Amino acid sequence: MAETTQAVEEKTEEQQAQQSAAGQEDSKAQAQSVEFSQAPESKTTGPGTSIDILLDMNVPVTVAIGRTEMPIQRLLQLGVGSVLKLDKPIDAPVDLYLRDSRFAAGDIVVVDGEFAVKIKEIFSTGASTIENKE
């Protein structure tokens, strides 16, 4: 591959010298063909591959309990003790998002004194969904 790169560089230098010698000033770029050597195939399966790195990464999951809209004037009037009414009833499932994509729905529960979500339904990219019948 080093030989191919060197040949391309020599050819480019030779063409540039020819253009300068002829006094030719062309503002358009000229396309040149380049030959690349074939990259060797490598194994991508087994322990220690790049997919293992991805499987260990943490991704942020957002839980949305509801939404509301209000004029900016009202937003600026909010203070401690203000209450925002949301668009969902208390018994409606919450939505789980990975980035901006809704991927599941569930119920708010309490585990060891902290909020948690019990998954009720997982949405797939196709028409079917996986539901928890409990």
N, C-alpha and C. Protein backbone atom coordinates (compact mmCIF):
# COMPACT_ATOMS: atom_id res chain seq x y z
N MET A 1 0.83 -1.18 0.00
CA MET A 1 0.00 0.00 0.00
C MET A 1 0.87 1.25 0.00
N ALA A 2 2.05 1.16 0.64
CA ALA A 2 2.95 2.30 0.67
C ALA A 2 3.43 2.62 -0.74
N GLU A 3 3.62 1.57 -1.55
CA GLU A 3 4.04 1.79 -2.93
C GLU A 3 2.95 2.51 -3.72
N THR A 4 1.70 2.13 -3.51
CA THR A 4 0.58 2.76 -4.21
C THR A 4 0.46 4.22 -3.80
N THR A 5 0.59 4.50 -2.52
CA THR A 5 0.51 5.88 -2.03
C THR A 5 1.65 6.71 -2.61
N GLN A 6 2.83 6.14 -2.64
CA GLN A 6 3.99 6.87 -3.18
C GLN A 6 3.80 7.14 -4.67
N ALA A 7 3.25 6.16 -5.41
CA ALA A 7 3.02 6.34 -6.84
C ALA A 7 2.01 7.45 -7.09
N VAL A 8 0.96 7.51 -6.29
CA VAL A 8 -0.06 8.55 -6.43
C VAL A 8 0.55 9.92 -6.14
N GLU A 9 1.37 10.01 -5.08
CA GLU A 9 2.00 11.28 -4.75
C GLU A 9 2.93 11.75 -5.87
N GLU A 10 3.71 10.82 -6.44
CA GLU A 10 4.62 11.18 -7.54
C GLU A 10 3.83 11.64 -8.76
N LYS A 11 2.72 10.95 -9.06
CA LYS A 11 1.90 11.32 -10.20
C LYS A 11 1.30 12.72 -10.00
N THR A 12 0.85 13.00 -8.78
CA THR A 12 0.28 14.31 -8.46
C THR A 12 1.33 15.40 -8.60
N GLU A 13 2.52 15.15 -8.07
CA GLU A 13 3.60 16.14 -8.17
C GLU A 13 3.97 16.37 -9.63
N GLU A 14 4.00 15.32 -10.42
CA GLU A 14 4.34 15.43 -11.84
C GLU A 14 3.31 16.27 -12.58
N GLN A 15 2.01 16.06 -12.29
CA GLN A 15 0.96 16.83 -12.94
C GLN A 15 1.02 18.30 -12.54
N GLN A 16 1.31 18.55 -11.27
CA GLN A 16 1.40 19.93 -10.81
C GLN A 16 2.58 20.64 -11.48
N ALA A 17 3.69 19.94 -11.66
CA ALA A 17 4.85 20.53 -12.32
C ALA A 17 4.53 20.84 -13.78
N GLN A 18 3.80 19.95 -14.44
CA GLN A 18 3.43 20.17 -15.84
C GLN A 18 2.53 21.39 -15.98
N GLN A 19 1.58 21.55 -15.05
CA GLN A 19 0.67 22.69 -15.11
C GLN A 19 1.43 23.99 -14.88
N SER A 20 2.35 23.99 -13.95
CA SER A 20 3.13 25.20 -13.67
C SER A 20 4.01 25.55 -14.85
N ALA A 21 4.64 24.56 -15.48
CA ALA A 21 5.54 24.80 -16.60
C ALA A 21 4.78 25.35 -17.79
N ALA A 22 3.59 24.91 -18.00
CA ALA A 22 2.81 25.37 -19.14
C ALA A 22 2.13 26.71 -18.84
N GLY A 23 2.23 27.19 -17.62
CA GLY A 23 1.63 28.47 -17.26
C GLY A 23 0.12 28.38 -17.20
N GLN A 24 -0.36 27.18 -16.95
CA GLN A 24 -1.80 26.95 -16.95
C GLN A 24 -2.34 27.16 -15.55
N GLU A 25 -3.32 28.03 -15.41
CA GLU A 25 -3.95 28.26 -14.12
C GLU A 25 -5.42 27.93 -14.25
N ASP A 26 -5.77 26.74 -13.85
CA ASP A 26 -7.14 26.26 -13.96
C ASP A 26 -7.77 26.30 -12.57
N SER A 27 -8.88 27.04 -12.40
CA SER A 27 -9.50 27.18 -11.10
C SER A 27 -10.37 25.97 -10.75
N LYS A 28 -10.62 25.08 -11.71
CA LYS A 28 -11.44 23.92 -11.44
C LYS A 28 -10.57 22.78 -10.90
N ALA A 29 -11.11 22.02 -9.97
CA ALA A 29 -10.39 20.88 -9.42
C ALA A 29 -10.42 19.75 -10.44
N GLN A 30 -9.33 19.01 -10.50
CA GLN A 30 -9.24 17.89 -11.42
C GLN A 30 -9.35 16.59 -10.65
N ALA A 31 -10.18 15.67 -11.15
CA ALA A 31 -10.34 14.37 -10.50
C ALA A 31 -9.25 13.44 -10.95
N GLN A 32 -8.74 12.67 -10.04
CA GLN A 32 -7.71 11.70 -10.35
C GLN A 32 -8.15 10.35 -9.83
N SER A 33 -7.79 9.30 -10.58
CA SER A 33 -8.13 7.97 -10.10
C SER A 33 -7.04 7.50 -9.14
N VAL A 34 -7.48 6.79 -8.12
CA VAL A 34 -6.56 6.29 -7.11
C VAL A 34 -6.85 4.82 -6.91
N GLU A 35 -5.81 4.02 -6.78
CA GLU A 35 -5.97 2.59 -6.53
C GLU A 35 -5.68 2.31 -5.07
N PHE A 36 -6.61 1.61 -4.42
CA PHE A 36 -6.43 1.23 -3.02
C PHE A 36 -6.28 -0.28 -2.94
N SER A 37 -5.46 -0.73 -2.02
CA SER A 37 -5.31 -2.17 -1.83
C SER A 37 -6.48 -2.67 -1.00
N GLN A 38 -6.75 -3.97 -1.12
CA GLN A 38 -7.86 -4.58 -0.41
C GLN A 38 -7.53 -4.68 1.08
N ALA A 39 -8.46 -4.27 1.93
CA ALA A 39 -8.26 -4.37 3.38
C ALA A 39 -8.46 -5.82 3.81
N PRO A 40 -7.63 -6.30 4.71
CA PRO A 40 -7.80 -7.69 5.16
C PRO A 40 -9.04 -7.82 6.02
N GLU A 41 -9.74 -8.96 5.88
CA GLU A 41 -10.93 -9.19 6.69
C GLU A 41 -10.50 -9.60 8.08
N SER A 42 -11.25 -9.12 9.08
CA SER A 42 -10.93 -9.49 10.45
C SER A 42 -12.15 -10.10 11.10
N LYS A 43 -11.93 -10.93 12.09
CA LYS A 43 -13.04 -11.54 12.81
C LYS A 43 -13.69 -10.49 13.69
N THR A 44 -15.06 -10.50 13.73
CA THR A 44 -15.77 -9.52 14.57
C THR A 44 -16.59 -10.20 15.64
N THR A 45 -16.40 -11.51 15.81
CA THR A 45 -17.16 -12.21 16.84
C THR A 45 -16.22 -12.74 17.90
N GLY A 46 -16.78 -13.11 19.01
CA GLY A 46 -15.97 -13.66 20.09
C GLY A 46 -15.76 -12.64 21.19
N PRO A 47 -15.16 -13.09 22.29
CA PRO A 47 -14.94 -12.18 23.42
C PRO A 47 -13.96 -11.07 23.08
N GLY A 48 -14.21 -9.91 23.67
CA GLY A 48 -13.29 -8.79 23.48
C GLY A 48 -13.53 -8.00 22.22
N THR A 49 -14.68 -8.20 21.55
CA THR A 49 -14.95 -7.44 20.34
C THR A 49 -15.60 -6.12 20.69
N SER A 50 -15.77 -5.27 19.70
CA SER A 50 -16.30 -3.93 19.93
C SER A 50 -17.73 -3.94 20.47
N ILE A 51 -18.52 -4.95 20.17
CA ILE A 51 -19.90 -5.00 20.67
C ILE A 51 -19.92 -5.11 22.19
N ASP A 52 -18.91 -5.76 22.77
CA ASP A 52 -18.85 -5.87 24.23
C ASP A 52 -18.74 -4.50 24.88
N ILE A 53 -18.04 -3.59 24.26
CA ILE A 53 -17.90 -2.24 24.78
C ILE A 53 -19.26 -1.55 24.81
N LEU A 54 -20.04 -1.72 23.76
CA LEU A 54 -21.36 -1.10 23.69
C LEU A 54 -22.32 -1.69 24.73
N LEU A 55 -22.23 -2.99 24.96
CA LEU A 55 -23.14 -3.63 25.90
C LEU A 55 -22.92 -3.17 27.33
N ASP A 56 -21.75 -2.67 27.66
CA ASP A 56 -21.44 -2.19 29.01
C ASP A 56 -21.72 -0.71 29.20
N MET A 57 -22.13 -0.01 28.15
CA MET A 57 -22.38 1.44 28.25
C MET A 57 -23.72 1.72 28.91
N ASN A 58 -23.77 2.79 29.70
CA ASN A 58 -25.02 3.25 30.29
C ASN A 58 -25.66 4.26 29.35
N VAL A 59 -26.99 4.18 29.21
CA VAL A 59 -27.73 5.14 28.39
C VAL A 59 -28.82 5.77 29.25
N PRO A 60 -29.07 7.06 29.06
CA PRO A 60 -30.10 7.72 29.87
C PRO A 60 -31.51 7.34 29.41
N VAL A 61 -32.34 6.95 30.36
CA VAL A 61 -33.74 6.64 30.10
C VAL A 61 -34.57 7.70 30.82
N THR A 62 -35.51 8.31 30.10
CA THR A 62 -36.37 9.35 30.66
C THR A 62 -37.76 8.79 30.88
N VAL A 63 -38.35 9.09 32.03
CA VAL A 63 -39.71 8.67 32.35
C VAL A 63 -40.58 9.93 32.35
N ALA A 64 -41.61 9.94 31.51
CA ALA A 64 -42.51 11.10 31.41
C ALA A 64 -43.84 10.76 32.06
N ILE A 65 -44.18 11.51 33.11
CA ILE A 65 -45.46 11.26 33.79
C ILE A 65 -46.60 12.07 33.16
N GLY A 66 -46.27 13.04 32.34
CA GLY A 66 -47.29 13.84 31.68
C GLY A 66 -46.68 15.10 31.09
N ARG A 67 -47.53 15.87 30.43
CA ARG A 67 -47.08 17.11 29.79
C ARG A 67 -48.10 18.21 30.04
N THR A 68 -47.64 19.43 29.84
CA THR A 68 -48.54 20.58 29.90
C THR A 68 -47.95 21.70 29.06
N GLU A 69 -48.79 22.61 28.63
CA GLU A 69 -48.35 23.79 27.91
C GLU A 69 -48.92 25.01 28.60
N MET A 70 -48.14 26.10 28.56
CA MET A 70 -48.61 27.35 29.17
C MET A 70 -47.93 28.51 28.48
N PRO A 71 -48.54 29.68 28.54
CA PRO A 71 -47.91 30.87 27.97
C PRO A 71 -46.64 31.22 28.78
N ILE A 72 -45.71 31.85 28.14
CA ILE A 72 -44.46 32.25 28.80
C ILE A 72 -44.75 33.16 29.99
N GLN A 73 -45.74 34.03 29.87
CA GLN A 73 -46.08 34.93 30.97
C GLN A 73 -46.43 34.13 32.23
N ARG A 74 -47.24 33.08 32.07
CA ARG A 74 -47.60 32.23 33.22
C ARG A 74 -46.38 31.49 33.74
N LEU A 75 -45.52 31.01 32.84
CA LEU A 75 -44.30 30.31 33.23
C LEU A 75 -43.42 31.20 34.11
N LEU A 76 -43.32 32.48 33.74
CA LEU A 76 -42.49 33.41 34.50
C LEU A 76 -43.09 33.73 35.87
N GLN A 77 -44.40 33.47 36.04
CA GLN A 77 -45.06 33.73 37.32
C GLN A 77 -44.96 32.55 38.29
N LEU A 78 -44.43 31.41 37.84
CA LEU A 78 -44.33 30.24 38.70
C LEU A 78 -43.36 30.50 39.84
N GLY A 79 -43.67 29.94 40.97
CA GLY A 79 -42.81 30.07 42.14
C GLY A 79 -42.95 28.86 43.03
N VAL A 80 -42.30 28.91 44.17
CA VAL A 80 -42.39 27.82 45.13
C VAL A 80 -43.85 27.62 45.53
N GLY A 81 -44.32 26.38 45.44
CA GLY A 81 -45.71 26.08 45.79
C GLY A 81 -46.65 26.09 44.60
N SER A 82 -46.19 26.55 43.44
CA SER A 82 -47.05 26.53 42.24
C SER A 82 -47.32 25.08 41.86
N VAL A 83 -48.49 24.83 41.30
CA VAL A 83 -48.89 23.49 40.90
C VAL A 83 -49.13 23.48 39.40
N LEU A 84 -48.55 22.50 38.72
CA LEU A 84 -48.76 22.33 37.28
C LEU A 84 -49.64 21.11 37.07
N LYS A 85 -50.78 21.30 36.43
CA LYS A 85 -51.67 20.18 36.12
C LYS A 85 -51.20 19.55 34.81
N LEU A 86 -51.03 18.24 34.83
CA LEU A 86 -50.55 17.51 33.65
C LEU A 86 -51.71 16.91 32.88
N ASP A 87 -51.43 16.43 31.67
CA ASP A 87 -52.47 15.94 30.77
C ASP A 87 -52.88 14.49 30.99
N LYS A 88 -52.30 13.77 31.98
CA LYS A 88 -52.62 12.36 32.18
C LYS A 88 -53.30 12.15 33.53
N PRO A 89 -54.26 11.23 33.56
CA PRO A 89 -54.86 10.87 34.85
C PRO A 89 -53.85 10.10 35.71
N ILE A 90 -54.08 10.04 37.00
CA ILE A 90 -53.16 9.43 37.94
C ILE A 90 -52.92 7.95 37.67
N ASP A 91 -53.92 7.25 37.14
CA ASP A 91 -53.77 5.81 36.90
C ASP A 91 -53.27 5.47 35.50
N ALA A 92 -52.96 6.46 34.68
CA ALA A 92 -52.45 6.22 33.33
C ALA A 92 -50.98 5.79 33.40
N PRO A 93 -50.55 4.91 32.50
CA PRO A 93 -49.15 4.49 32.52
C PRO A 93 -48.23 5.65 32.11
N VAL A 94 -46.99 5.61 32.61
CA VAL A 94 -45.99 6.60 32.24
C VAL A 94 -45.27 6.12 30.99
N ASP A 95 -44.65 7.02 30.27
CA ASP A 95 -43.92 6.69 29.05
C ASP A 95 -42.43 6.68 29.34
N LEU A 96 -41.72 5.70 28.78
CA LEU A 96 -40.27 5.61 28.91
C LEU A 96 -39.65 5.94 27.56
N TYR A 97 -38.63 6.80 27.58
CA TYR A 97 -37.99 7.27 26.37
C TYR A 97 -36.49 6.98 26.41
N LEU A 98 -35.97 6.58 25.29
CA LEU A 98 -34.54 6.49 25.06
C LEU A 98 -34.25 7.56 24.02
N ARG A 99 -33.58 8.61 24.47
CA ARG A 99 -33.46 9.85 23.70
C ARG A 99 -34.86 10.37 23.43
N ASP A 100 -35.25 10.52 22.17
CA ASP A 100 -36.58 11.04 21.87
C ASP A 100 -37.54 9.94 21.41
N SER A 101 -37.14 8.69 21.56
CA SER A 101 -37.96 7.58 21.10
C SER A 101 -38.65 6.88 22.26
N ARG A 102 -39.97 6.83 22.20
CA ARG A 102 -40.75 6.13 23.23
C ARG A 102 -40.60 4.64 22.99
N PHE A 103 -40.15 3.90 24.00
CA PHE A 103 -39.92 2.47 23.81
C PHE A 103 -40.72 1.59 24.76
N ALA A 104 -41.31 2.17 25.80
CA ALA A 104 -42.06 1.35 26.74
C ALA A 104 -43.04 2.21 27.53
N ALA A 105 -43.94 1.52 28.26
CA ALA A 105 -44.88 2.18 29.17
C ALA A 105 -44.93 1.36 30.44
N GLY A 106 -45.21 2.03 31.55
CA GLY A 106 -45.24 1.32 32.82
C GLY A 106 -45.95 2.11 33.90
N ASP A 107 -45.95 1.53 35.09
CA ASP A 107 -46.59 2.15 36.24
C ASP A 107 -45.54 2.61 37.24
N ILE A 108 -45.81 3.74 37.88
CA ILE A 108 -44.92 4.24 38.94
C ILE A 108 -45.14 3.39 40.18
N VAL A 109 -44.04 2.91 40.76
CA VAL A 109 -44.08 2.14 42.00
C VAL A 109 -42.99 2.70 42.92
N VAL A 110 -42.98 2.23 44.15
CA VAL A 110 -41.95 2.64 45.11
C VAL A 110 -41.15 1.41 45.50
N VAL A 111 -39.82 1.50 45.39
CA VAL A 111 -38.93 0.42 45.78
C VAL A 111 -37.88 0.99 46.72
N ASP A 112 -37.84 0.47 47.94
CA ASP A 112 -36.88 0.92 48.96
C ASP A 112 -36.93 2.43 49.15
N GLY A 113 -38.13 3.00 49.15
CA GLY A 113 -38.28 4.42 49.39
C GLY A 113 -37.94 5.31 48.20
N GLU A 114 -37.74 4.73 47.03
CA GLU A 114 -37.42 5.51 45.81
C GLU A 114 -38.42 5.19 44.71
N PHE A 115 -38.66 6.16 43.84
CA PHE A 115 -39.53 5.92 42.70
C PHE A 115 -38.91 4.87 41.79
N ALA A 116 -39.78 4.08 41.16
CA ALA A 116 -39.35 3.08 40.18
C ALA A 116 -40.47 2.94 39.16
N VAL A 117 -40.21 2.25 38.09
CA VAL A 117 -41.22 2.02 37.06
C VAL A 117 -41.32 0.53 36.80
N LYS A 118 -42.54 0.01 36.88
CA LYS A 118 -42.81 -1.39 36.55
C LYS A 118 -43.27 -1.42 35.09
N ILE A 119 -42.48 -2.05 34.23
CA ILE A 119 -42.77 -2.09 32.79
C ILE A 119 -44.04 -2.89 32.53
N LYS A 120 -44.98 -2.28 31.81
CA LYS A 120 -46.22 -2.96 31.43
C LYS A 120 -46.22 -3.36 29.96
N GLU A 121 -45.53 -2.57 29.15
CA GLU A 121 -45.56 -2.79 27.70
C GLU A 121 -44.27 -2.29 27.08
N ILE A 122 -43.72 -3.07 26.16
CA ILE A 122 -42.52 -2.66 25.42
C ILE A 122 -42.92 -2.54 23.96
N PHE A 123 -42.64 -1.39 23.38
CA PHE A 123 -43.01 -1.14 21.99
C PHE A 123 -41.88 -1.59 21.08
N SER A 124 -42.24 -2.23 20.00
CA SER A 124 -41.24 -2.65 19.03
C SER A 124 -41.31 -1.71 17.83
N THR A 125 -40.35 -1.85 16.93
CA THR A 125 -40.35 -1.01 15.73
C THR A 125 -41.42 -1.49 14.75
N GLY A 126 -41.85 -2.74 14.87
CA GLY A 126 -42.91 -3.26 14.01
C GLY A 126 -44.28 -3.02 14.59
N ALA A 127 -45.25 -3.75 14.12
CA ALA A 127 -46.63 -3.55 14.56
C ALA A 127 -46.91 -4.21 15.90
N SER A 128 -46.15 -5.23 16.28
CA SER A 128 -46.44 -5.93 17.52
C SER A 128 -45.76 -5.29 18.71
N THR A 129 -46.35 -5.51 19.88
CA THR A 129 -45.77 -5.02 21.13
C THR A 129 -45.76 -6.16 22.13
N ILE A 130 -44.92 -6.05 23.14
CA ILE A 130 -44.84 -7.05 24.19
C ILE A 130 -45.53 -6.47 25.41
N GLU A 131 -46.51 -7.21 25.94
CA GLU A 131 -47.26 -6.71 27.09
C GLU A 131 -47.06 -7.60 28.29
N ASN A 132 -47.07 -6.99 29.48
CA ASN A 132 -47.02 -7.70 30.75
C ASN A 132 -48.46 -7.84 31.23
N LYS A 133 -48.97 -9.05 31.34
CA LYS A 133 -50.39 -9.28 31.66
C LYS A 133 -50.66 -9.31 33.17
N GLU A 134 -49.69 -8.95 34.01
CA GLU A 134 -49.89 -9.00 35.46
C GLU A 134 -50.84 -7.92 35.92
